[in-house]
Amino acid sequence: MEVLVNNKLYAVQPHTTVAGLLQFIQLSSEKGIAVAVNNLVVPRLQWDQQALQPSDNVTIIRATQGG
């Protein structure tokens, strides 16, 4: 199935979770990120349970430091 992640199309396995997606795109160990699926924020504690659906729109935001 395909999901849109930050405006880039990814092909993932059916029943892929948010955590699985982050692992697939090599962001699973990153700190300071937030994830929204179809404009709804998914709390970090639910990343392992939140399964993605075909054509979901996933937004990943990374906190950055600056001055």
PDB file of N, CA and C in Angstrom:
ATOM      1  N   MET A   1       0.848  -1.181   0.000  1.00  0.00           N
ATOM      2  CA  MET A   1       0.000   0.000   0.000  1.00  0.00           C
ATOM      3  C   MET A   1       0.884   1.230   0.000  1.00  0.00           C
ATOM      4  N   GLU A   2       0.312   2.340  -0.399  1.00  0.00           N
ATOM      5  CA  GLU A   2       1.063   3.586  -0.474  1.00  0.00           C
ATOM      6  C   GLU A   2       0.533   4.601   0.522  1.00  0.00           C
ATOM      7  N   VAL A   3       1.483   5.312   1.160  1.00  0.00           N
ATOM      8  CA  VAL A   3       1.135   6.414   2.051  1.00  0.00           C
ATOM      9  C   VAL A   3       1.989   7.610   1.663  1.00  0.00           C
ATOM     10  N   LEU A   4       1.488   8.780   1.924  1.00  0.00           N
ATOM     11  CA  LEU A   4       2.190  10.016   1.618  1.00  0.00           C
ATOM     12  C   LEU A   4       2.844  10.517   2.894  1.00  0.00           C
ATOM     13  N   VAL A   5       4.157  10.679   2.871  1.00  0.00           N
ATOM     14  CA  VAL A   5       4.907  11.141   4.035  1.00  0.00           C
ATOM     15  C   VAL A   5       5.621  12.433   3.658  1.00  0.00           C
ATOM     16  N   ASN A   6       5.199  13.518   4.276  1.00  0.00           N
ATOM     17  CA  ASN A   6       5.782  14.836   3.963  1.00  0.00           C
ATOM     18  C   ASN A   6       5.856  15.062   2.451  1.00  0.00           C
ATOM     19  N   ASN A   7       4.747  14.776   1.789  1.00  0.00           N
ATOM     20  CA  ASN A   7       4.584  14.973   0.346  1.00  0.00           C
ATOM     21  C   ASN A   7       5.445  14.047  -0.518  1.00  0.00           C
ATOM     22  N   LYS A   8       5.912  12.945   0.042  1.00  0.00           N
ATOM     23  CA  LYS A   8       6.662  11.951  -0.714  1.00  0.00           C
ATOM     24  C   LYS A   8       5.950  10.611  -0.560  1.00  0.00           C
ATOM     25  N   LEU A   9       5.728   9.926  -1.675  1.00  0.00           N
ATOM     26  CA  LEU A   9       5.001   8.665  -1.671  1.00  0.00           C
ATOM     27  C   LEU A   9       5.916   7.507  -1.270  1.00  0.00           C
ATOM     28  N   TYR A  10       5.435   6.689  -0.319  1.00  0.00           N
ATOM     29  CA  TYR A  10       6.165   5.501   0.127  1.00  0.00           C
ATOM     30  C   TYR A  10       5.270   4.287  -0.020  1.00  0.00           C
ATOM     31  N   ALA A  11       5.848   3.181  -0.465  1.00  0.00           N
ATOM     32  CA  ALA A  11       5.140   1.903  -0.516  1.00  0.00           C
ATOM     33  C   ALA A  11       5.528   1.124   0.736  1.00  0.00           C
ATOM     34  N   VAL A  12       4.522   0.790   1.558  1.00  0.00           N
ATOM     35  CA  VAL A  12       4.757   0.048   2.800  1.00  0.00           C
ATOM     36  C   VAL A  12       3.845  -1.163   2.838  1.00  0.00           C
ATOM     37  N   GLN A  13       4.150  -2.073   3.726  1.00  0.00           N
ATOM     38  CA  GLN A  13       3.340  -3.276   3.884  1.00  0.00           C
ATOM     39  C   GLN A  13       1.991  -2.927   4.525  1.00  0.00           C
ATOM     40  N   PRO A  14       0.929  -3.666   4.193  1.00  0.00           N
ATOM     41  CA  PRO A  14      -0.346  -3.465   4.881  1.00  0.00           C
ATOM     42  C   PRO A  14      -0.161  -3.652   6.388  1.00  0.00           C
ATOM     43  N   HIS A  15      -0.923  -2.932   7.163  1.00  0.00           N
ATOM     44  CA  HIS A  15      -0.906  -2.975   8.628  1.00  0.00           C
ATOM     45  C   HIS A  15       0.366  -2.387   9.231  1.00  0.00           C
ATOM     46  N   THR A  16       1.125  -1.628   8.444  1.00  0.00           N
ATOM     47  CA  THR A  16       2.302  -0.949   8.980  1.00  0.00           C
ATOM     48  C   THR A  16       1.854   0.082   9.999  1.00  0.00           C
ATOM     49  N   THR A  17       2.535   0.118  11.132  1.00  0.00           N
ATOM     50  CA  THR A  17       2.220   1.099  12.169  1.00  0.00           C
ATOM     51  C   THR A  17       3.060   2.356  11.959  1.00  0.00           C
ATOM     52  N   VAL A  18       2.736   3.395  12.710  1.00  0.00           N
ATOM     53  CA  VAL A  18       3.540   4.614  12.665  1.00  0.00           C
ATOM     54  C   VAL A  18       4.982   4.279  13.042  1.00  0.00           C
ATOM     55  N   ALA A  19       5.174   3.473  14.088  1.00  0.00           N
ATOM     56  CA  ALA A  19       6.528   3.079  14.506  1.00  0.00           C
ATOM     57  C   ALA A  19       7.231   2.314  13.391  1.00  0.00           C
ATOM     58  N   GLY A  20       6.519   1.432  12.719  1.00  0.00           N
ATOM     59  CA  GLY A  20       7.097   0.680  11.611  1.00  0.00           C
ATOM     60  C   GLY A  20       7.495   1.584  10.458  1.00  0.00           C
ATOM     61  N   LEU A  21       6.672   2.583  10.180  1.00  0.00           N
ATOM     62  CA  LEU A  21       6.996   3.543   9.123  1.00  0.00           C
ATOM     63  C   LEU A  21       8.259   4.317   9.475  1.00  0.00           C
ATOM     64  N   LEU A  22       8.347   4.779  10.722  1.00  0.00           N
ATOM     65  CA  LEU A  22       9.528   5.531  11.142  1.00  0.00           C
ATOM     66  C   LEU A  22      10.780   4.672  11.048  1.00  0.00           C
ATOM     67  N   GLN A  23      10.662   3.399  11.366  1.00  0.00           N
ATOM     68  CA  GLN A  23      11.793   2.499  11.233  1.00  0.00           C
ATOM     69  C   GLN A  23      12.155   2.328   9.751  1.00  0.00           C
ATOM     70  N   PHE A  24      11.155   2.183   8.903  1.00  0.00           N
ATOM     71  CA  PHE A  24      11.368   2.007   7.467  1.00  0.00           C
ATOM     72  C   PHE A  24      12.103   3.197   6.856  1.00  0.00           C
ATOM     73  N   ILE A  25      11.754   4.406   7.289  1.00  0.00           N
ATOM     74  CA  ILE A  25      12.418   5.590   6.728  1.00  0.00           C
ATOM     75  C   ILE A  25      13.579   6.062   7.606  1.00  0.00           C
ATOM     76  N   GLN A  26      14.002   5.198   8.521  1.00  0.00           N
ATOM     77  CA  GLN A  26      15.175   5.402   9.364  1.00  0.00           C
ATOM     78  C   GLN A  26      15.088   6.627  10.259  1.00  0.00           C
ATOM     79  N   LEU A  27      13.923   6.814  10.864  1.00  0.00           N
ATOM     80  CA  LEU A  27      13.751   7.889  11.842  1.00  0.00           C
ATOM     81  C   LEU A  27      13.339   7.351  13.210  1.00  0.00           C
ATOM     82  N   SER A  28      13.348   6.040  13.391  1.00  0.00           N
ATOM     83  CA  SER A  28      12.830   5.459  14.623  1.00  0.00           C
ATOM     84  C   SER A  28      13.628   5.838  15.861  1.00  0.00           C
ATOM     85  N   SER A  29      14.913   6.122  15.709  1.00  0.00           N
ATOM     86  CA  SER A  29      15.717   6.458  16.883  1.00  0.00           C
ATOM     87  C   SER A  29      15.831   7.965  17.097  1.00  0.00           C
ATOM     88  N   GLU A  30      15.211   8.733  16.234  1.00  0.00           N
ATOM     89  CA  GLU A  30      15.270  10.193  16.345  1.00  0.00           C
ATOM     90  C   GLU A  30      14.457  10.675  17.540  1.00  0.00           C
ATOM     91  N   LYS A  31      14.986  11.667  18.210  1.00  0.00           N
ATOM     92  CA  LYS A  31      14.244  12.320  19.285  1.00  0.00           C
ATOM     93  C   LYS A  31      13.775  13.669  18.765  1.00  0.00           C
ATOM     94  N   GLY A  32      12.750  14.210  19.395  1.00  0.00           N
ATOM     95  CA  GLY A  32      12.276  15.524  18.996  1.00  0.00           C
ATOM     96  C   GLY A  32      11.458  15.523  17.723  1.00  0.00           C
ATOM     97  N   ILE A  33      10.736  14.411  17.466  1.00  0.00           N
ATOM     98  CA  ILE A  33       9.867  14.410  16.297  1.00  0.00           C
ATOM     99  C   ILE A  33       8.421  14.233  16.739  1.00  0.00           C
ATOM    100  N   ALA A  34       7.539  14.745  15.934  1.00  0.00           N
ATOM    101  CA  ALA A  34       6.099  14.591  16.139  1.00  0.00           C
ATOM    102  C   ALA A  34       5.510  14.041  14.851  1.00  0.00           C
ATOM    103  N   VAL A  35       4.454  13.245  14.994  1.00  0.00           N
ATOM    104  CA  VAL A  35       3.837  12.615  13.833  1.00  0.00           C
ATOM    105  C   VAL A  35       2.341  12.904  13.845  1.00  0.00           C
ATOM    106  N   ALA A  36       1.826  13.268  12.679  1.00  0.00           N
ATOM    107  CA  ALA A  36       0.385  13.434  12.490  1.00  0.00           C
ATOM    108  C   ALA A  36      -0.037  12.567  11.314  1.00  0.00           C
ATOM    109  N   VAL A  37      -1.179  11.922  11.450  1.00  0.00           N
ATOM    110  CA  VAL A  37      -1.751  11.130  10.367  1.00  0.00           C
ATOM    111  C   VAL A  37      -3.073  11.776  10.000  1.00  0.00           C
ATOM    112  N   ASN A  38      -3.185  12.190   8.757  1.00  0.00           N
ATOM    113  CA  ASN A  38      -4.388  12.892   8.279  1.00  0.00           C
ATOM    114  C   ASN A  38      -4.723  14.086   9.172  1.00  0.00           C
ATOM    115  N   ASN A  39      -3.689  14.844   9.509  1.00  0.00           N
ATOM    116  CA  ASN A  39      -3.790  16.078  10.303  1.00  0.00           C
ATOM    117  C   ASN A  39      -4.185  15.862  11.753  1.00  0.00           C
ATOM    118  N   LEU A  40      -4.110  14.642  12.256  1.00  0.00           N
ATOM    119  CA  LEU A  40      -4.364  14.355  13.666  1.00  0.00           C
ATOM    120  C   LEU A  40      -3.072  13.865  14.306  1.00  0.00           C
ATOM    121  N   VAL A  41      -2.609  14.566  15.345  1.00  0.00           N
ATOM    122  CA  VAL A  41      -1.366  14.190  16.014  1.00  0.00           C
ATOM    123  C   VAL A  41      -1.526  12.829  16.672  1.00  0.00           C
ATOM    124  N   VAL A  42      -0.531  11.976  16.478  1.00  0.00           N
ATOM    125  CA  VAL A  42      -0.522  10.654  17.096  1.00  0.00           C
ATOM    126  C   VAL A  42       0.465  10.711  18.259  1.00  0.00           C
ATOM    127  N   PRO A  43      -0.011  10.550  19.503  1.00  0.00           N
ATOM    128  CA  PRO A  43       0.903  10.573  20.641  1.00  0.00           C
ATOM    129  C   PRO A  43       1.955   9.469  20.526  1.00  0.00           C
ATOM    130  N   ARG A  44       3.158   9.742  20.965  1.00  0.00           N
ATOM    131  CA  ARG A  44       4.280   8.801  20.862  1.00  0.00           C
ATOM    132  C   ARG A  44       3.924   7.445  21.467  1.00  0.00           C
ATOM    133  N   LEU A  45       3.172   7.426  22.537  1.00  0.00           N
ATOM    134  CA  LEU A  45       2.800   6.152  23.175  1.00  0.00           C
ATOM    135  C   LEU A  45       1.899   5.290  22.296  1.00  0.00           C
ATOM    136  N   GLN A  46       1.308   5.868  21.254  1.00  0.00           N
ATOM    137  CA  GLN A  46       0.416   5.119  20.368  1.00  0.00           C
ATOM    138  C   GLN A  46       1.064   4.747  19.033  1.00  0.00           C
ATOM    139  N   TRP A  47       2.320   5.106  18.840  1.00  0.00           N
ATOM    140  CA  TRP A  47       2.977   4.829  17.564  1.00  0.00           C
ATOM    141  C   TRP A  47       3.014   3.340  17.254  1.00  0.00           C
ATOM    142  N   ASP A  48       3.169   2.494  18.276  1.00  0.00           N
ATOM    143  CA  ASP A  48       3.218   1.038  18.048  1.00  0.00           C
ATOM    144  C   ASP A  48       1.854   0.460  17.692  1.00  0.00           C
ATOM    145  N   GLN A  49       0.773   1.117  18.079  1.00  0.00           N
ATOM    146  CA  GLN A  49      -0.567   0.595  17.830  1.00  0.00           C
ATOM    147  C   GLN A  49      -1.265   1.233  16.638  1.00  0.00           C
ATOM    148  N   GLN A  50      -0.872   2.441  16.265  1.00  0.00           N
ATOM    149  CA  GLN A  50      -1.557   3.179  15.194  1.00  0.00           C
ATOM    150  C   GLN A  50      -1.197   2.607  13.826  1.00  0.00           C
ATOM    151  N   ALA A  51      -2.105   1.820  13.258  1.00  0.00           N
ATOM    152  CA  ALA A  51      -1.875   1.241  11.933  1.00  0.00           C
ATOM    153  C   ALA A  51      -2.236   2.257  10.853  1.00  0.00           C
ATOM    154  N   LEU A  52      -1.444   2.270   9.813  1.00  0.00           N
ATOM    155  CA  LEU A  52      -1.699   3.164   8.690  1.00  0.00           C
ATOM    156  C   LEU A  52      -2.647   2.502   7.697  1.00  0.00           C
ATOM    157  N   GLN A  53      -3.386   3.326   6.991  1.00  0.00           N
ATOM    158  CA  GLN A  53      -4.328   2.877   5.977  1.00  0.00           C
ATOM    159  C   GLN A  53      -3.843   3.357   4.609  1.00  0.00           C
ATOM    160  N   PRO A  54      -4.256   2.682   3.540  1.00  0.00           N
ATOM    161  CA  PRO A  54      -3.861   3.145   2.201  1.00  0.00           C
ATOM    162  C   PRO A  54      -4.230   4.617   1.993  1.00  0.00           C
ATOM    163  N   SER A  55      -3.330   5.354   1.394  1.00  0.00           N
ATOM    164  CA  SER A  55      -3.507   6.772   1.061  1.00  0.00           C
ATOM    165  C   SER A  55      -3.495   7.699   2.266  1.00  0.00           C
ATOM    166  N   ASP A  56      -3.077   7.214   3.441  1.00  0.00           N
ATOM    167  CA  ASP A  56      -2.940   8.119   4.586  1.00  0.00           C
ATOM    168  C   ASP A  56      -1.913   9.191   4.269  1.00  0.00           C
ATOM    169  N   ASN A  57      -2.130  10.360   4.839  1.00  0.00           N
ATOM    170  CA  ASN A  57      -1.222  11.484   4.691  1.00  0.00           C
ATOM    171  C   ASN A  57      -0.511  11.671   6.029  1.00  0.00           C
ATOM    172  N   VAL A  58       0.787  11.361   6.068  1.00  0.00           N
ATOM    173  CA  VAL A  58       1.574  11.413   7.295  1.00  0.00           C
ATOM    174  C   VAL A  58       2.478  12.640   7.252  1.00  0.00           C
ATOM    175  N   THR A  59       2.466  13.395   8.341  1.00  0.00           N
ATOM    176  CA  THR A  59       3.342  14.551   8.456  1.00  0.00           C
ATOM    177  C   THR A  59       4.290  14.296   9.625  1.00  0.00           C
ATOM    178  N   ILE A  60       5.583  14.416   9.365  1.00  0.00           N
ATOM    179  CA  ILE A  60       6.600  14.245  10.399  1.00  0.00           C
ATOM    180  C   ILE A  60       7.298  15.590  10.582  1.00  0.00           C
ATOM    181  N   ILE A  61       7.316  16.055  11.819  1.00  0.00           N
ATOM    182  CA  ILE A  61       7.928  17.337  12.129  1.00  0.00           C
ATOM    183  C   ILE A  61       9.080  17.090  13.092  1.00  0.00           C
ATOM    184  N   ARG A  62      10.228  17.670  12.779  1.00  0.00           N
ATOM    185  CA  ARG A  62      11.405  17.549  13.641  1.00  0.00           C
ATOM    186  C   ARG A  62      11.670  18.878  14.335  1.00  0.00           C
ATOM    187  N   ALA A  63      11.851  18.799  15.646  1.00  0.00           N
ATOM    188  CA  ALA A  63      12.230  19.998  16.410  1.00  0.00           C
ATOM    189  C   ALA A  63      13.686  20.312  16.104  1.00  0.00           C
ATOM    190  N   THR A  64      13.974  21.573  15.958  1.00  0.00           N
ATOM    191  CA  THR A  64      15.352  21.993  15.718  1.00  0.00           C
ATOM    192  C   THR A  64      15.726  23.056  16.737  1.00  0.00           C
ATOM    193  N   GLN A  65      17.010  23.168  16.960  1.00  0.00           N
ATOM    194  CA  GLN A  65      17.504  24.195  17.875  1.00  0.00           C
ATOM    195  C   GLN A  65      18.070  25.338  17.051  1.00  0.00           C
ATOM    196  N   GLY A  66      17.969  26.475  17.602  1.00  0.00           N
ATOM    197  CA  GLY A  66      18.508  27.626  16.893  1.00  0.00           C
ATOM    198  C   GLY A  66      18.487  28.850  17.788  1.00  0.00           C
ATOM    199  N   GLY A  67      18.962  29.923  17.261  1.00  0.00           N
ATOM    200  CA  GLY A  67      19.034  31.113  18.077  1.00  0.00           C
ATOM    201  C   GLY A  67      18.424  32.290  17.455  1.00  0.00           C
TER     202      GLY A  67
END
